[in-house]
Protein backbone atom coordinates (compact mmCIF):
# COMPACT_ATOMS: atom_id res chain seq x y z
CA MET A 1 130.19 78.00 -14.82
CA PRO A 2 131.01 77.42 -18.49
CA ASP A 3 133.33 79.73 -20.38
CA PRO A 4 131.01 82.04 -22.39
CA ASN A 5 133.66 82.21 -25.15
CA CYS A 6 134.33 78.48 -25.39
CA PRO A 7 134.52 77.48 -29.08
CA ARG A 8 133.48 73.88 -28.35
CA CYS A 9 130.18 74.43 -26.55
CA GLY A 10 129.44 78.05 -27.47
CA GLY A 11 129.19 78.96 -23.79
CA SER A 12 126.42 76.47 -22.93
CA GLY A 13 128.70 74.10 -21.00
CA TRP A 14 127.38 71.13 -22.98
CA ILE A 15 128.51 69.48 -26.22
CA ILE A 16 125.95 67.71 -28.39
CA GLU A 17 127.33 64.61 -30.10
CA GLU A 18 126.02 62.10 -32.63
CA ARG A 19 126.83 58.44 -31.90
CA GLU A 20 125.42 55.60 -33.93
CA GLY A 21 122.60 57.76 -35.18
CA LEU A 22 121.62 59.02 -31.71
CA SER A 23 122.13 62.47 -30.22
CA GLY A 24 123.62 62.87 -26.78
CA ALA A 25 125.03 65.59 -24.55
CA ARG A 26 128.21 65.61 -22.48
CA GLU A 27 129.70 68.27 -20.25
CA CYS A 28 132.35 70.45 -21.84
CA GLY A 29 135.73 70.65 -20.17
CA CYS A 30 135.31 74.41 -19.69
CA ARG A 31 132.46 73.81 -17.25
CA GLU A 32 133.40 74.15 -13.59
CA PRO A 33 131.07 72.98 -10.79
CA VAL A 34 129.32 75.74 -8.85
CA ASP A 35 127.83 75.46 -5.38
CA PRO A 36 124.03 75.01 -5.85
CA SER A 37 123.39 77.62 -3.14
CA VAL A 38 125.16 80.18 -5.34
CA LEU A 39 123.05 79.18 -8.34
CA TYR A 40 119.85 79.38 -6.29
CA GLY A 41 120.82 82.84 -5.08
CA ARG A 42 121.37 84.03 -8.63
CA ALA A 43 118.11 82.47 -9.85
CA ALA A 44 116.03 84.90 -7.74
CA ILE A 45 113.06 82.54 -7.37
CA PRO A 46 110.26 84.41 -5.52
CA SER A 47 109.68 83.30 -1.92
CA LEU A 48 106.14 82.17 -2.82
CA TYR A 49 107.69 79.38 -4.90
CA HIS A 50 110.65 78.42 -2.71
CA ARG A 51 108.95 75.13 -1.82
CA ALA A 52 107.57 74.37 -5.30
CA SER A 53 108.72 70.98 -6.54
CA PHE A 54 107.58 68.05 -8.64
CA GLU A 55 106.96 66.11 -5.43
CA ASN A 56 104.32 68.51 -4.05
CA PHE A 57 102.53 69.35 -7.31
CA VAL A 58 98.72 69.21 -6.81
CA ARG A 59 97.33 66.04 -8.44
CA HIS A 60 93.51 66.26 -7.85
CA GLN A 61 93.44 62.67 -6.61
CA ASN A 62 89.64 62.74 -6.09
CA ASN A 63 89.05 63.25 -9.82
CA PRO A 64 90.57 60.43 -11.92
CA ASP A 65 90.10 62.29 -15.23
CA LEU A 66 91.87 65.42 -13.99
CA GLN A 67 94.53 63.32 -12.32
CA ARG A 68 95.25 61.56 -15.61
CA GLU A 69 95.47 64.83 -17.57
CA LEU A 70 97.70 66.46 -14.97
CA ALA A 71 99.91 63.38 -14.90
CA GLN A 72 100.56 63.81 -18.63
CA VAL A 73 101.53 67.47 -18.12
CA PHE A 74 103.66 66.61 -15.08
CA LEU A 75 105.56 63.91 -16.97
CA ALA A 76 106.16 66.18 -19.98
CA VAL A 77 107.63 68.98 -17.87
CA ARG A 78 109.74 66.65 -15.73
CA ALA A 79 111.06 64.87 -18.83
CA TYR A 80 112.12 68.24 -20.27
CA ALA A 81 114.06 69.09 -17.09
CA LYS A 82 115.68 65.64 -16.87
CA GLU A 83 116.71 65.46 -20.55
CA PHE A 84 117.86 69.06 -21.04
CA PRO A 85 119.90 70.09 -23.02
CA ASN A 86 119.39 67.01 -25.15
CA THR A 87 115.80 68.02 -25.96
CA PRO A 88 114.21 68.50 -29.41
CA LYS A 89 113.70 72.17 -28.56
CA PRO A 90 115.63 74.27 -26.04
CA GLY A 91 112.54 75.88 -24.51
CA LEU A 92 109.30 75.03 -22.72
CA LEU A 93 106.00 76.97 -22.86
CA LEU A 94 103.22 76.22 -20.35
CA VAL A 95 99.82 77.52 -21.46
CA GLY A 96 96.57 77.60 -19.49
CA PRO A 97 94.18 79.57 -17.26
CA PRO A 98 95.27 81.07 -13.91
CA GLY A 99 95.56 78.72 -10.96
CA THR A 100 96.30 75.54 -12.90
CA GLY A 101 99.87 75.11 -11.60
CA LYS A 102 101.90 76.49 -14.52
CA THR A 103 104.35 78.50 -12.43
CA HIS A 104 104.70 75.71 -9.87
CA LEU A 105 105.73 73.25 -12.58
CA ALA A 106 107.97 75.80 -14.32
CA VAL A 107 109.81 76.51 -11.05
CA ALA A 108 110.06 72.78 -10.32
CA ALA A 109 111.76 72.33 -13.69
CA LEU A 110 114.03 75.32 -13.02
CA LYS A 111 115.08 73.86 -9.66
CA MET A 112 115.93 70.52 -11.25
CA LEU A 113 118.11 72.35 -13.78
CA ILE A 114 119.82 74.32 -11.00
CA ASP A 115 120.50 71.09 -9.10
CA ARG A 116 122.09 69.77 -12.30
CA GLY A 117 124.41 72.80 -12.38
CA PHE A 118 122.71 75.09 -14.88
CA ASP A 119 122.74 78.87 -14.42
CA CYS A 120 119.08 79.95 -14.25
CA THR A 121 117.15 83.20 -13.78
CA PHE A 122 113.50 83.77 -12.81
CA PHE A 123 111.73 86.92 -14.01
CA ASP A 124 108.12 87.95 -13.71
CA TYR A 125 107.31 89.26 -17.20
CA GLN A 126 105.89 92.61 -16.08
CA ARG A 127 108.69 93.23 -13.58
CA LEU A 128 111.29 92.48 -16.25
CA LEU A 129 109.76 95.06 -18.59
CA ASP A 130 109.55 97.60 -15.75
CA LEU A 131 113.25 97.08 -14.93
CA ILE A 132 114.28 97.41 -18.57
CA ARG A 133 112.29 100.62 -18.90
CA LYS A 134 113.83 102.03 -15.71
CA SER A 135 117.32 101.22 -17.00
CA TRP A 136 117.02 104.18 -19.38
CA ASP A 137 117.13 106.45 -16.31
CA PRO A 138 120.76 107.46 -15.54
CA LEU A 139 119.90 107.23 -11.82
CA ALA A 140 118.57 103.68 -12.09
CA GLY A 141 120.12 101.02 -9.87
CA SER A 142 122.36 98.23 -11.12
CA SER A 143 119.51 95.68 -11.03
CA SER A 144 117.59 97.74 -13.58
CA ARG A 145 120.63 98.13 -15.84
CA GLU A 146 121.45 94.43 -15.69
CA ALA A 147 117.92 93.11 -16.28
CA TYR A 148 118.05 93.21 -20.08
CA SER A 149 121.48 91.55 -20.18
CA LEU A 150 120.30 88.81 -17.82
CA ALA A 151 117.23 88.19 -19.96
CA LEU A 152 119.45 87.76 -23.01
CA GLU A 153 122.41 85.90 -21.52
CA SER A 154 121.19 83.73 -18.63
CA GLY A 155 121.74 80.04 -19.34
CA VAL A 156 118.07 79.30 -18.65
CA LEU A 157 115.48 82.08 -18.39
CA LEU A 158 112.10 81.50 -16.74
CA LEU A 159 109.69 84.20 -17.90
CA ASP A 160 106.51 83.94 -15.85
CA ASP A 161 103.12 85.19 -17.11
CA ILE A 162 104.37 86.32 -20.51
CA GLY A 163 101.93 88.66 -22.24
CA SER A 164 100.48 90.05 -19.00
CA HIS A 165 101.62 93.61 -19.86
CA ARG A 166 99.49 95.76 -22.18
CA VAL A 167 100.91 95.81 -25.68
CA THR A 168 102.83 98.81 -27.03
CA ASP A 169 105.37 99.09 -29.83
CA TRP A 170 108.13 99.27 -27.22
CA VAL A 171 106.91 96.13 -25.42
CA GLU A 172 106.56 94.21 -28.68
CA ASP A 173 110.05 95.20 -29.85
CA THR A 174 111.65 94.40 -26.49
CA VAL A 175 110.02 90.98 -26.12
CA THR A 176 110.78 90.11 -29.75
CA SER A 177 114.43 91.03 -29.19
CA ILE A 178 114.73 88.82 -26.09
CA ILE A 179 112.98 85.81 -27.60
CA THR A 180 114.71 86.10 -30.99
CA THR A 181 118.17 86.43 -29.42
CA ARG A 182 117.65 83.43 -27.18
CA CYS A 183 116.19 81.42 -30.06
CA ASN A 184 119.10 82.25 -32.38
CA GLU A 185 121.68 81.41 -29.71
CA GLN A 186 119.85 78.26 -28.55
CA ARG A 187 119.53 79.56 -24.99
CA ALA A 188 116.74 77.90 -23.06
CA LEU A 189 113.53 79.77 -22.26
CA ILE A 190 110.86 78.42 -19.92
CA ALA A 191 107.70 80.54 -20.12
CA THR A 192 104.17 80.51 -18.75
CA THR A 193 101.11 82.35 -20.06
CA ASN A 194 97.40 82.68 -19.31
CA LEU A 195 96.69 83.79 -22.87
CA THR A 196 95.06 81.71 -25.56
CA ASP A 197 96.58 80.54 -28.85
CA THR A 198 94.92 78.99 -31.86
CA GLU A 199 97.47 76.17 -32.05
CA VAL A 200 96.85 75.06 -28.47
CA GLY A 201 93.04 74.92 -28.54
CA GLU A 202 90.92 73.72 -25.64
CA GLY A 203 93.72 73.85 -23.11
CA VAL A 204 93.40 77.63 -22.96
CA ARG A 205 89.63 78.12 -22.92
CA ALA A 206 88.25 80.52 -20.36
CA ARG A 207 86.15 79.03 -17.60
CA ASP A 208 82.35 79.09 -17.95
CA VAL A 209 81.59 81.23 -14.93
CA SER A 210 77.96 81.97 -15.94
CA GLY A 211 76.79 78.36 -16.05
CA SER A 212 75.27 78.94 -19.48
CA GLY A 213 77.66 76.58 -21.23
CA GLN A 214 79.10 79.41 -23.34
CA VAL A 215 82.89 79.50 -23.58
CA VAL A 216 84.54 82.88 -24.03
CA TYR A 217 88.08 83.05 -25.39
CA ARG A 218 90.56 85.46 -23.91
CA THR A 219 93.05 87.78 -25.56
CA SER A 220 95.50 85.83 -27.69
CA LEU A 221 99.23 85.55 -27.07
CA ALA A 222 100.02 87.04 -30.48
CA GLU A 223 97.89 90.10 -29.69
CA ARG A 224 99.91 90.77 -26.54
CA ILE A 225 103.51 90.06 -27.62
CA GLY A 226 103.26 90.42 -31.39
CA ALA A 227 103.19 87.87 -34.19
CA ARG A 228 107.00 87.77 -34.58
CA ALA A 229 107.72 87.03 -30.92
CA ARG A 230 104.91 84.49 -30.78
CA SER A 231 106.27 82.70 -33.87
CA ARG A 232 109.81 82.47 -32.47
CA LEU A 233 108.46 81.37 -29.08
CA PHE A 234 106.66 78.41 -30.66
CA GLU A 235 109.70 77.68 -32.81
CA MET A 236 111.99 77.28 -29.80
CA CYS A 237 109.60 75.79 -27.21
CA LYS A 238 107.87 72.52 -26.50
CA VAL A 239 104.28 73.64 -25.80
CA VAL A 240 102.41 72.06 -22.88
CA ALA A 241 98.70 72.91 -22.48
CA MET A 242 97.32 72.73 -18.94
CA PRO A 243 93.97 70.91 -18.52
CA MET A 244 90.85 72.76 -17.38
CA VAL A 245 91.28 72.16 -13.65
CA PRO A 246 89.68 74.21 -10.83
CA ASP A 247 91.73 77.23 -9.76
CA TYR A 248 93.83 75.84 -6.91
CA ARG A 249 94.22 79.31 -5.36
CA ILE A 250 90.46 79.54 -4.87
CA GLN A 251 90.25 75.93 -3.70
CA THR A 252 92.96 76.31 -1.06
CA SER A 253 91.52 79.61 0.26
CA ARG A 254 88.20 77.98 1.18
């Protein structure tokens, strides 16, 4: 684990250097190797995604067009995980309808980062907010009290299904605080969302379930987390839009 007070790397464990006009990253001397099993235990990846990896990501091999679109998404996410922290932006945002493989890819990236020695934490968005709210109770357990600190300080935070909670002033302020703090301190955030955004476009259209050809747009990300949090999220994240593929959960249940 890196020294959180290290003046050279700022607690990230990595030093960014410029050499002959190119940026590169090298490990800081304050960084000590940690057993991957310890890092996996701290990451708290849900059991549903214990086997998620880049190798077993669904490719839709019977549909060349979908396969090509998914290949582009796959390569973008894997490149982020392989190049981190020497990436143009410290974060990654996966946007698209349910069942398109966002969480699978996000966890695959998280696992690659863990294998490379990074301290990572997985949180379901709604559960994180529930834990933070419970932390106000004096009788709350330590996991509730530590949730907010983990969301702020974890080396890499995976926030799954961001915007799934109904919006309130408290939710907006809490999410804005987490995203802004991580953005300001250049701490990585990997996030997924089912919500639409005007800058992403067709990648977040709702499915045409009626067969009429009419496309209905869902609630926007800004409406659910607030304009400030949305702005900082896009500032710090590479945005990857998932293609309009069939919901794999429905496909696999048949």
